[in-house]
């Protein structure tokens, strides 16, 4: 059966990653246009950059939970073979979907963190308003959604993998046709 310690640890890491991604969405950087002391130039003033840290934290916690699941399941390719059946089939499908959701979540969180950390550094003449680039709304939200999907799919994958691994029965007989009864 699947290890409850692994499932609980991964669940806690995924909850933390989800919470950090939601916090990053709520605390995205915003910018305002300001004039310099002599009113010759306009420049962008950005508020707190905490959401970049939240996004990176979510990225790292999600990565840690994925590493725990993959180490526990030996990344599906090492270890003893799995018994044929529905559990193995579901484990294969969930393994691929888990990695797809994980990659999408990591891309959203990484792109959001990088874009949120970018601040325009130049000043424009007072006649032209500067373009204060900020992160679009919903990037960290999409990352949070895929963290949630990854959490569900990775835990289901681990349960199906464990079930298929535990039910494997090796073939212990001769690899040939037995002719002993035909004397």
N, C-alpha and C. Protein backbone atom coordinates (compact mmCIF):
# COMPACT_ATOMS: atom_id res chain seq x y z
N UNK A 1 0.84 -1.19 0.00
CA UNK A 1 0.00 0.00 0.00
C UNK A 1 0.88 1.25 0.00
N UNK A 2 0.32 2.33 -0.43
CA UNK A 2 1.05 3.59 -0.51
C UNK A 2 1.42 4.07 0.90
N UNK A 3 2.59 4.66 1.00
CA UNK A 3 3.07 5.16 2.28
C UNK A 3 2.30 6.43 2.67
N UNK A 4 1.67 6.38 3.82
CA UNK A 4 0.91 7.54 4.29
C UNK A 4 1.83 8.71 4.61
N UNK A 5 3.03 8.45 5.08
CA UNK A 5 3.98 9.51 5.37
C UNK A 5 4.33 10.30 4.10
N UNK A 6 4.56 9.59 3.01
CA UNK A 6 4.86 10.25 1.74
C UNK A 6 3.66 11.05 1.26
N UNK A 7 2.48 10.46 1.32
CA UNK A 7 1.27 11.16 0.86
C UNK A 7 1.01 12.42 1.69
N UNK A 8 1.19 12.34 3.00
CA UNK A 8 0.95 13.51 3.86
C UNK A 8 2.01 14.58 3.61
N UNK A 9 3.27 14.18 3.47
CA UNK A 9 4.34 15.15 3.21
C UNK A 9 4.11 15.87 1.89
N UNK A 10 3.79 15.12 0.86
CA UNK A 10 3.54 15.72 -0.45
C UNK A 10 2.31 16.63 -0.40
N UNK A 11 1.29 16.21 0.32
CA UNK A 11 0.08 17.03 0.44
C UNK A 11 0.41 18.36 1.13
N UNK A 12 1.19 18.31 2.19
CA UNK A 12 1.56 19.55 2.91
C UNK A 12 2.39 20.46 2.01
N UNK A 13 3.36 19.90 1.29
CA UNK A 13 4.17 20.71 0.38
C UNK A 13 3.31 21.34 -0.71
N UNK A 14 2.36 20.58 -1.23
CA UNK A 14 1.48 21.11 -2.28
C UNK A 14 0.55 22.20 -1.74
N UNK A 15 0.06 22.05 -0.52
CA UNK A 15 -0.77 23.08 0.09
C UNK A 15 0.03 24.37 0.27
N UNK A 16 1.27 24.24 0.72
CA UNK A 16 2.13 25.41 0.89
C UNK A 16 2.38 26.07 -0.46
N UNK A 17 2.68 25.27 -1.49
CA UNK A 17 2.92 25.82 -2.83
C UNK A 17 1.68 26.52 -3.36
N UNK A 18 0.52 25.94 -3.14
CA UNK A 18 -0.73 26.55 -3.59
C UNK A 18 -0.97 27.88 -2.87
N UNK A 19 -0.77 27.89 -1.56
CA UNK A 19 -0.95 29.12 -0.79
C UNK A 19 0.01 30.21 -1.21
N UNK A 20 1.26 29.85 -1.46
CA UNK A 20 2.24 30.85 -1.91
C UNK A 20 1.89 31.39 -3.30
N UNK A 21 1.39 30.53 -4.18
CA UNK A 21 1.00 30.99 -5.52
C UNK A 21 -0.19 31.94 -5.44
N UNK A 22 -1.15 31.65 -4.58
CA UNK A 22 -2.30 32.55 -4.40
C UNK A 22 -1.82 33.88 -3.80
N UNK A 23 -0.92 33.82 -2.81
CA UNK A 23 -0.39 35.04 -2.22
C UNK A 23 0.37 35.86 -3.25
N UNK A 24 1.11 35.20 -4.13
CA UNK A 24 1.84 35.91 -5.18
C UNK A 24 0.87 36.61 -6.13
N UNK A 25 -0.24 35.96 -6.43
CA UNK A 25 -1.24 36.59 -7.30
C UNK A 25 -1.84 37.82 -6.64
N UNK A 26 -2.08 37.73 -5.35
CA UNK A 26 -2.69 38.85 -4.63
C UNK A 26 -1.73 40.02 -4.44
N UNK A 27 -0.44 39.76 -4.39
CA UNK A 27 0.55 40.80 -4.08
C UNK A 27 1.42 41.16 -5.28
N UNK A 28 0.90 41.01 -6.50
CA UNK A 28 1.67 41.38 -7.69
C UNK A 28 2.14 42.82 -7.60
N UNK A 29 3.27 43.11 -8.21
CA UNK A 29 3.78 44.48 -8.22
C UNK A 29 2.89 45.38 -9.06
N UNK A 30 2.72 46.61 -8.59
CA UNK A 30 2.03 47.63 -9.37
C UNK A 30 2.98 48.81 -9.53
N UNK A 31 2.71 49.63 -10.52
CA UNK A 31 3.60 50.76 -10.80
C UNK A 31 2.79 52.04 -10.93
N UNK A 32 3.40 53.14 -10.54
CA UNK A 32 2.82 54.46 -10.73
C UNK A 32 3.86 55.34 -11.41
N UNK A 33 3.38 56.30 -12.18
CA UNK A 33 4.27 57.23 -12.87
C UNK A 33 4.49 58.43 -11.96
N UNK A 34 5.76 58.79 -11.77
CA UNK A 34 6.11 59.93 -10.92
C UNK A 34 7.00 60.90 -11.70
N UNK A 35 7.00 62.14 -11.24
CA UNK A 35 7.87 63.17 -11.81
C UNK A 35 9.10 63.29 -10.94
N UNK A 36 10.24 63.61 -11.57
CA UNK A 36 11.44 63.84 -10.77
C UNK A 36 11.33 65.20 -10.08
N UNK A 37 12.30 65.54 -9.28
CA UNK A 37 12.28 66.78 -8.48
C UNK A 37 12.15 68.05 -9.31
N UNK A 38 12.71 68.05 -10.50
CA UNK A 38 12.66 69.25 -11.35
C UNK A 38 11.53 69.20 -12.36
N UNK A 39 10.73 68.15 -12.35
CA UNK A 39 9.60 67.96 -13.26
C UNK A 39 10.05 67.89 -14.71
N UNK A 40 11.25 67.38 -14.94
CA UNK A 40 11.74 67.22 -16.31
C UNK A 40 11.46 65.83 -16.85
N UNK A 41 11.46 64.84 -15.98
CA UNK A 41 11.32 63.46 -16.41
C UNK A 41 10.25 62.75 -15.58
N UNK A 42 9.62 61.79 -16.25
CA UNK A 42 8.69 60.89 -15.58
C UNK A 42 9.36 59.53 -15.49
N UNK A 43 9.10 58.83 -14.43
CA UNK A 43 9.66 57.50 -14.27
C UNK A 43 8.66 56.63 -13.51
N UNK A 44 8.91 55.34 -13.55
CA UNK A 44 8.01 54.38 -12.91
C UNK A 44 8.49 54.08 -11.49
N UNK A 45 7.55 54.08 -10.56
CA UNK A 45 7.83 53.71 -9.18
C UNK A 45 7.03 52.44 -8.89
N UNK A 46 7.75 51.39 -8.52
CA UNK A 46 7.13 50.09 -8.26
C UNK A 46 6.98 49.89 -6.75
N UNK A 47 5.88 49.23 -6.38
CA UNK A 47 5.69 48.93 -4.96
C UNK A 47 6.43 47.65 -4.60
N UNK A 48 6.10 47.06 -3.52
CA UNK A 48 6.78 45.89 -2.97
C UNK A 48 6.93 44.77 -4.01
N UNK A 49 8.04 44.08 -3.91
CA UNK A 49 8.34 43.00 -4.85
C UNK A 49 8.22 41.64 -4.17
N UNK A 50 7.34 41.54 -3.18
CA UNK A 50 7.22 40.31 -2.39
C UNK A 50 6.64 39.15 -3.20
N UNK A 51 5.83 39.43 -4.20
CA UNK A 51 5.20 38.34 -4.94
C UNK A 51 6.22 37.53 -5.73
N UNK A 52 7.34 38.12 -6.09
CA UNK A 52 8.39 37.35 -6.75
C UNK A 52 8.90 36.27 -5.80
N UNK A 53 9.13 36.62 -4.56
CA UNK A 53 9.56 35.64 -3.57
C UNK A 53 8.51 34.57 -3.32
N UNK A 54 7.24 34.98 -3.28
CA UNK A 54 6.16 34.01 -3.11
C UNK A 54 6.12 33.04 -4.29
N UNK A 55 6.29 33.57 -5.50
CA UNK A 55 6.26 32.72 -6.69
C UNK A 55 7.41 31.73 -6.71
N UNK A 56 8.61 32.19 -6.35
CA UNK A 56 9.77 31.30 -6.29
C UNK A 56 9.58 30.26 -5.19
N UNK A 57 9.03 30.66 -4.06
CA UNK A 57 8.76 29.71 -2.98
C UNK A 57 7.77 28.64 -3.41
N UNK A 58 6.71 29.05 -4.10
CA UNK A 58 5.73 28.08 -4.61
C UNK A 58 6.39 27.12 -5.59
N UNK A 59 7.24 27.66 -6.45
CA UNK A 59 7.96 26.85 -7.43
C UNK A 59 8.82 25.81 -6.72
N UNK A 60 9.53 26.21 -5.68
CA UNK A 60 10.43 25.29 -4.97
C UNK A 60 9.66 24.24 -4.17
N UNK A 61 8.56 24.62 -3.53
CA UNK A 61 7.77 23.63 -2.78
C UNK A 61 7.12 22.62 -3.72
N UNK A 62 6.64 23.08 -4.88
CA UNK A 62 6.06 22.15 -5.85
C UNK A 62 7.13 21.21 -6.38
N UNK A 63 8.32 21.75 -6.64
CA UNK A 63 9.41 20.91 -7.12
C UNK A 63 9.80 19.87 -6.08
N UNK A 64 9.83 20.26 -4.81
CA UNK A 64 10.17 19.32 -3.74
C UNK A 64 9.13 18.20 -3.65
N UNK A 65 7.86 18.54 -3.78
CA UNK A 65 6.83 17.49 -3.70
C UNK A 65 6.93 16.54 -4.90
N UNK A 66 7.26 17.08 -6.07
CA UNK A 66 7.41 16.22 -7.25
C UNK A 66 8.63 15.31 -7.09
N UNK A 67 9.71 15.83 -6.55
CA UNK A 67 10.90 15.01 -6.32
C UNK A 67 10.59 13.89 -5.33
N UNK A 68 9.85 14.19 -4.28
CA UNK A 68 9.50 13.15 -3.28
C UNK A 68 8.69 12.04 -3.94
N UNK A 69 7.69 12.41 -4.73
CA UNK A 69 6.86 11.40 -5.40
C UNK A 69 7.69 10.58 -6.37
N UNK A 70 8.56 11.22 -7.14
CA UNK A 70 9.35 10.49 -8.14
C UNK A 70 10.40 9.60 -7.48
N UNK A 71 10.99 10.04 -6.38
CA UNK A 71 11.96 9.19 -5.67
C UNK A 71 11.23 8.00 -5.04
N UNK A 72 10.07 8.24 -4.47
CA UNK A 72 9.32 7.15 -3.84
C UNK A 72 8.85 6.12 -4.86
N UNK A 73 8.53 6.57 -6.06
CA UNK A 73 8.07 5.64 -7.10
C UNK A 73 9.19 5.24 -8.04
N UNK A 74 10.39 5.64 -7.73
CA UNK A 74 11.57 5.35 -8.56
C UNK A 74 11.36 5.83 -10.00
N UNK A 75 10.68 6.95 -10.11
CA UNK A 75 10.41 7.61 -11.39
C UNK A 75 9.79 6.66 -12.41
N UNK A 76 9.09 5.68 -11.94
CA UNK A 76 8.32 4.74 -12.75
C UNK A 76 9.16 3.81 -13.61
N UNK A 77 10.47 4.01 -13.67
CA UNK A 77 11.27 3.21 -14.60
C UNK A 77 12.25 2.27 -13.92
N UNK A 78 12.50 2.44 -12.64
CA UNK A 78 13.46 1.59 -11.94
C UNK A 78 12.71 0.74 -10.91
N UNK A 79 13.37 -0.26 -10.42
CA UNK A 79 12.75 -1.10 -9.41
C UNK A 79 12.08 -2.31 -10.02
N UNK A 80 11.35 -3.04 -9.19
CA UNK A 80 10.71 -4.26 -9.68
C UNK A 80 9.54 -3.91 -10.60
N UNK A 81 9.21 -4.82 -11.52
CA UNK A 81 8.15 -4.53 -12.47
C UNK A 81 6.77 -4.46 -11.80
N UNK A 82 5.87 -3.80 -12.48
CA UNK A 82 4.50 -3.67 -11.98
C UNK A 82 3.63 -4.77 -12.57
N UNK A 83 2.65 -5.20 -11.80
CA UNK A 83 1.77 -6.25 -12.31
C UNK A 83 0.83 -5.66 -13.36
N UNK A 84 0.56 -6.43 -14.41
CA UNK A 84 -0.35 -5.93 -15.44
C UNK A 84 -1.76 -5.76 -14.87
N UNK A 85 -2.46 -4.82 -15.40
CA UNK A 85 -3.82 -4.59 -14.97
C UNK A 85 -4.18 -3.12 -14.95
N UNK A 86 -5.32 -2.85 -14.36
CA UNK A 86 -5.84 -1.49 -14.33
C UNK A 86 -4.98 -0.52 -13.55
N UNK A 87 -4.39 -0.98 -12.44
CA UNK A 87 -3.56 -0.08 -11.64
C UNK A 87 -2.32 0.37 -12.40
N UNK A 88 -1.70 -0.54 -13.13
CA UNK A 88 -0.52 -0.18 -13.92
C UNK A 88 -0.90 0.77 -15.05
N UNK A 89 -2.02 0.50 -15.70
CA UNK A 89 -2.46 1.37 -16.80
C UNK A 89 -2.76 2.78 -16.29
N UNK A 90 -3.45 2.86 -15.16
CA UNK A 90 -3.74 4.17 -14.58
C UNK A 90 -2.46 4.85 -14.12
N UNK A 91 -1.52 4.09 -13.58
CA UNK A 91 -0.25 4.67 -13.13
C UNK A 91 0.51 5.28 -14.31
N UNK A 92 0.49 4.62 -15.45
CA UNK A 92 1.18 5.15 -16.64
C UNK A 92 0.52 6.45 -17.10
N UNK A 93 -0.79 6.44 -17.20
CA UNK A 93 -1.52 7.64 -17.65
C UNK A 93 -1.32 8.79 -16.67
N UNK A 94 -1.47 8.51 -15.38
CA UNK A 94 -1.32 9.55 -14.36
C UNK A 94 0.11 10.06 -14.27
N UNK A 95 1.08 9.21 -14.54
CA UNK A 95 2.48 9.64 -14.56
C UNK A 95 2.70 10.71 -15.63
N UNK A 96 2.18 10.46 -16.83
CA UNK A 96 2.34 11.44 -17.92
C UNK A 96 1.57 12.73 -17.64
N UNK A 97 0.34 12.61 -17.15
CA UNK A 97 -0.46 13.79 -16.85
C UNK A 97 0.16 14.58 -15.70
N UNK A 98 0.70 13.88 -14.72
CA UNK A 98 1.37 14.52 -13.58
C UNK A 98 2.53 15.39 -14.06
N UNK A 99 3.35 14.85 -14.94
CA UNK A 99 4.49 15.62 -15.45
C UNK A 99 4.03 16.78 -16.32
N UNK A 100 2.98 16.60 -17.09
CA UNK A 100 2.46 17.70 -17.92
C UNK A 100 1.96 18.84 -17.03
N UNK A 101 1.14 18.53 -16.03
CA UNK A 101 0.64 19.57 -15.12
C UNK A 101 1.77 20.22 -14.33
N UNK A 102 2.75 19.42 -13.91
CA UNK A 102 3.89 19.95 -13.18
C UNK A 102 4.66 20.96 -14.03
N UNK A 103 4.92 20.61 -15.27
CA UNK A 103 5.67 21.52 -16.15
C UNK A 103 4.90 22.81 -16.41
N UNK A 104 3.60 22.71 -16.62
CA UNK A 104 2.80 23.92 -16.83
C UNK A 104 2.81 24.80 -15.59
N UNK A 105 2.66 24.19 -14.41
CA UNK A 105 2.68 24.96 -13.16
C UNK A 105 4.03 25.63 -12.95
N UNK A 106 5.11 24.91 -13.18
CA UNK A 106 6.44 25.48 -13.00
C UNK A 106 6.69 26.61 -14.00
N UNK A 107 6.25 26.45 -15.24
CA UNK A 107 6.43 27.51 -16.24
C UNK A 107 5.65 28.76 -15.84
N UNK A 108 4.42 28.59 -15.39
CA UNK A 108 3.62 29.75 -14.95
C UNK A 108 4.27 30.45 -13.77
N UNK A 109 4.71 29.69 -12.78
CA UNK A 109 5.31 30.29 -11.59
C UNK A 109 6.65 30.95 -11.91
N UNK A 110 7.45 30.31 -12.74
CA UNK A 110 8.74 30.89 -13.09
C UNK A 110 8.57 32.13 -13.95
N UNK A 111 7.72 32.06 -14.96
CA UNK A 111 7.48 33.22 -15.82
C UNK A 111 6.88 34.37 -15.03
N UNK A 112 5.96 34.08 -14.15
CA UNK A 112 5.36 35.12 -13.32
C UNK A 112 6.38 35.76 -12.40
N UNK A 113 7.25 34.96 -11.82
CA UNK A 113 8.26 35.51 -10.91
C UNK A 113 9.27 36.37 -11.66
N UNK A 114 9.69 35.92 -12.82
CA UNK A 114 10.66 36.69 -13.61
C UNK A 114 10.04 37.98 -14.10
N UNK A 115 8.83 37.90 -14.63
CA UNK A 115 8.17 39.09 -15.16
C UNK A 115 7.82 40.07 -14.04
N UNK A 116 7.43 39.57 -12.89
CA UNK A 116 7.11 40.44 -11.77
C UNK A 116 8.34 41.16 -11.24
N UNK A 117 9.50 40.52 -11.34
CA UNK A 117 10.74 41.13 -10.85
C UNK A 117 11.29 42.18 -11.81
N UNK A 118 10.80 42.17 -13.05
CA UNK A 118 11.30 43.13 -14.04
C UNK A 118 10.71 44.51 -13.77
N UNK A 119 11.57 45.50 -13.66
CA UNK A 119 11.14 46.88 -13.44
C UNK A 119 11.79 47.77 -14.48
N UNK A 120 11.01 48.65 -15.06
CA UNK A 120 11.52 49.60 -16.04
C UNK A 120 12.48 50.55 -15.33
N UNK A 121 13.66 50.75 -15.88
CA UNK A 121 14.68 51.55 -15.21
C UNK A 121 14.94 52.90 -15.89
N UNK A 122 14.27 53.20 -16.96
CA UNK A 122 14.59 54.42 -17.69
C UNK A 122 13.60 55.52 -17.42
N UNK A 123 14.00 56.75 -17.70
CA UNK A 123 13.14 57.91 -17.53
C UNK A 123 12.81 58.49 -18.90
N UNK A 124 11.64 59.05 -19.04
CA UNK A 124 11.17 59.63 -20.29
C UNK A 124 10.94 61.12 -20.06
N UNK A 125 11.08 61.88 -21.11
CA UNK A 125 10.80 63.32 -21.02
C UNK A 125 9.38 63.52 -20.52
N UNK A 126 9.14 64.65 -19.87
CA UNK A 126 7.85 64.91 -19.22
C UNK A 126 6.69 64.87 -20.19
N UNK A 127 6.92 65.09 -21.46
CA UNK A 127 5.83 65.09 -22.43
C UNK A 127 5.32 63.68 -22.72
N UNK A 128 6.21 62.69 -22.63
CA UNK A 128 5.83 61.31 -22.93
C UNK A 128 5.68 60.50 -21.65
N UNK A 129 4.52 59.88 -21.42
CA UNK A 129 4.40 59.03 -20.23
C UNK A 129 5.15 57.71 -20.46
N UNK A 130 5.88 57.24 -19.47
CA UNK A 130 6.61 55.98 -19.63
C UNK A 130 5.66 54.79 -19.59
N UNK A 131 6.14 53.71 -20.16
CA UNK A 131 5.39 52.46 -20.14
C UNK A 131 5.89 51.65 -18.94
N UNK A 132 5.09 51.61 -17.91
CA UNK A 132 5.47 50.87 -16.70
C UNK A 132 4.96 49.45 -16.82
N UNK A 133 5.87 48.55 -17.19
CA UNK A 133 5.45 47.16 -17.41
C UNK A 133 5.26 46.44 -16.08
N UNK A 134 4.15 45.73 -15.98
CA UNK A 134 3.86 44.91 -14.81
C UNK A 134 3.33 43.56 -15.28
N UNK A 135 3.28 42.63 -14.36
CA UNK A 135 2.80 41.28 -14.66
C UNK A 135 1.29 41.30 -14.89
N UNK A 136 0.85 40.56 -15.91
CA UNK A 136 -0.58 40.44 -16.17
C UNK A 136 -1.27 39.70 -15.03
N UNK A 137 -2.50 40.07 -14.82
CA UNK A 137 -3.29 39.41 -13.79
C UNK A 137 -3.60 37.98 -14.23
N UNK A 138 -3.44 37.04 -13.32
CA UNK A 138 -3.82 35.66 -13.60
C UNK A 138 -2.68 34.70 -13.87
N UNK A 139 -1.45 35.18 -14.02
CA UNK A 139 -0.33 34.27 -14.29
C UNK A 139 -0.06 33.40 -13.07
N UNK A 140 0.06 34.02 -11.91
CA UNK A 140 0.25 33.23 -10.68
C UNK A 140 -1.01 32.43 -10.36
N UNK A 141 -2.17 32.94 -10.72
CA UNK A 141 -3.42 32.21 -10.52
C UNK A 141 -3.45 30.93 -11.34
N UNK A 142 -2.99 31.01 -12.60
CA UNK A 142 -2.90 29.81 -13.43
C UNK A 142 -1.90 28.83 -12.84
N UNK A 143 -0.78 29.37 -12.32
CA UNK A 143 0.19 28.50 -11.66
C UNK A 143 -0.41 27.81 -10.46
N UNK A 144 -1.22 28.55 -9.67
CA UNK A 144 -1.87 27.95 -8.50
C UNK A 144 -2.86 26.86 -8.92
N UNK A 145 -3.59 27.09 -10.00
CA UNK A 145 -4.53 26.07 -10.48
C UNK A 145 -3.80 24.80 -10.89
N UNK A 146 -2.68 24.96 -11.58
CA UNK A 146 -1.94 23.77 -11.99
C UNK A 146 -1.18 23.13 -10.83
N UNK A 147 -0.85 23.88 -9.81
CA UNK A 147 -0.31 23.28 -8.58
C UNK A 147 -1.38 22.36 -7.98
N UNK A 148 -2.61 22.84 -7.95
CA UNK A 148 -3.72 22.05 -7.42
C UNK A 148 -3.91 20.77 -8.24
N UNK A 149 -3.93 20.91 -9.58
CA UNK A 149 -4.10 19.74 -10.45
C UNK A 149 -2.93 18.76 -10.28
N UNK A 150 -1.72 19.29 -10.20
CA UNK A 150 -0.54 18.44 -10.01
C UNK A 150 -0.64 17.68 -8.70
N UNK A 151 -1.11 18.35 -7.66
CA UNK A 151 -1.24 17.71 -6.35
C UNK A 151 -2.17 16.50 -6.42
N UNK A 152 -3.32 16.69 -7.01
CA UNK A 152 -4.30 15.60 -7.10
C UNK A 152 -3.76 14.45 -7.94
N UNK A 153 -3.24 14.78 -9.12
CA UNK A 153 -2.79 13.73 -10.05
C UNK A 153 -1.56 13.00 -9.52
N UNK A 154 -0.63 13.71 -8.89
CA UNK A 154 0.58 13.04 -8.40
C UNK A 154 0.26 12.09 -7.26
N UNK A 155 -0.67 12.45 -6.40
CA UNK A 155 -1.02 11.54 -5.31
C UNK A 155 -1.80 10.33 -5.84
N UNK A 156 -2.67 10.54 -6.80
CA UNK A 156 -3.36 9.40 -7.42
C UNK A 156 -2.37 8.49 -8.14
N UNK A 157 -1.39 9.11 -8.81
CA UNK A 157 -0.36 8.32 -9.48
C UNK A 157 0.38 7.45 -8.48
N UNK A 158 0.77 8.04 -7.35
CA UNK A 158 1.52 7.27 -6.36
C UNK A 158 0.69 6.12 -5.78
N UNK A 159 -0.58 6.35 -5.55
CA UNK A 159 -1.44 5.29 -5.02
C UNK A 159 -1.59 4.16 -6.05
N UNK A 160 -1.83 4.50 -7.32
CA UNK A 160 -1.95 3.47 -8.36
C UNK A 160 -0.63 2.72 -8.56
N UNK A 161 0.47 3.47 -8.54
CA UNK A 161 1.78 2.85 -8.67
C UNK A 161 2.03 1.86 -7.53
N UNK A 162 1.73 2.27 -6.31
CA UNK A 162 1.95 1.41 -5.15
C UNK A 162 1.08 0.17 -5.22
N UNK A 163 -0.15 0.34 -5.65
CA UNK A 163 -1.06 -0.80 -5.77
C UNK A 163 -0.55 -1.80 -6.82
N UNK A 164 -0.08 -1.30 -7.95
CA UNK A 164 0.44 -2.18 -9.00
C UNK A 164 1.75 -2.83 -8.58
N UNK A 165 2.57 -2.12 -7.82
CA UNK A 165 3.85 -2.67 -7.36
C UNK A 165 3.64 -3.77 -6.34
N UNK A 166 2.69 -3.58 -5.43
CA UNK A 166 2.45 -4.55 -4.37
C UNK A 166 1.80 -5.84 -4.88
N UNK A 167 1.05 -5.75 -5.96
CA UNK A 167 0.33 -6.94 -6.44
C UNK A 167 1.13 -7.74 -7.46
N UNK A 168 2.39 -7.37 -7.70
CA UNK A 168 3.22 -8.11 -8.66
C UNK A 168 3.58 -9.47 -8.11
N UNK A 169 3.35 -10.52 -8.89
CA UNK A 169 3.70 -11.89 -8.53
C UNK A 169 4.68 -12.43 -9.58
N UNK A 170 5.93 -12.63 -9.23
CA UNK A 170 6.89 -13.14 -10.21
C UNK A 170 6.56 -14.58 -10.60
N UNK A 171 6.90 -14.95 -11.80
CA UNK A 171 6.68 -16.29 -12.32
C UNK A 171 7.82 -17.17 -11.87
N UNK A 172 7.55 -18.13 -10.99
CA UNK A 172 8.60 -18.93 -10.37
C UNK A 172 8.77 -20.32 -10.97
N UNK A 173 8.17 -20.60 -12.08
CA UNK A 173 8.27 -21.94 -12.66
C UNK A 173 9.28 -21.95 -13.79
N UNK A 174 9.43 -23.13 -14.40
CA UNK A 174 10.34 -23.28 -15.52
C UNK A 174 9.81 -22.51 -16.72
N UNK A 175 10.72 -22.00 -17.55
CA UNK A 175 10.27 -21.26 -18.73
C UNK A 175 9.88 -22.17 -19.89
N UNK A 176 9.84 -23.48 -19.68
CA UNK A 176 9.51 -24.40 -20.77
C UNK A 176 8.22 -25.14 -20.45
N UNK A 177 7.77 -25.92 -21.42
CA UNK A 177 6.57 -26.73 -21.23
C UNK A 177 6.94 -27.96 -20.41
N UNK A 178 6.21 -28.17 -19.34
CA UNK A 178 6.49 -29.32 -18.48
C UNK A 178 6.01 -30.61 -19.11
N UNK A 179 6.87 -31.59 -19.29
CA UNK A 179 6.55 -32.86 -19.91
C UNK A 179 6.62 -34.03 -18.92
N UNK A 180 6.73 -33.73 -17.63
CA UNK A 180 6.90 -34.77 -16.61
C UNK A 180 5.73 -35.71 -16.48
N UNK A 181 4.54 -35.32 -16.79
CA UNK A 181 3.36 -36.19 -16.62
C UNK A 181 3.13 -37.08 -17.83
N UNK A 182 3.90 -36.95 -18.88
CA UNK A 182 3.68 -37.73 -20.09
C UNK A 182 4.72 -38.83 -20.24
N UNK A 183 4.95 -39.67 -19.25
CA UNK A 183 5.93 -40.75 -19.31
C UNK A 183 5.38 -41.97 -19.94
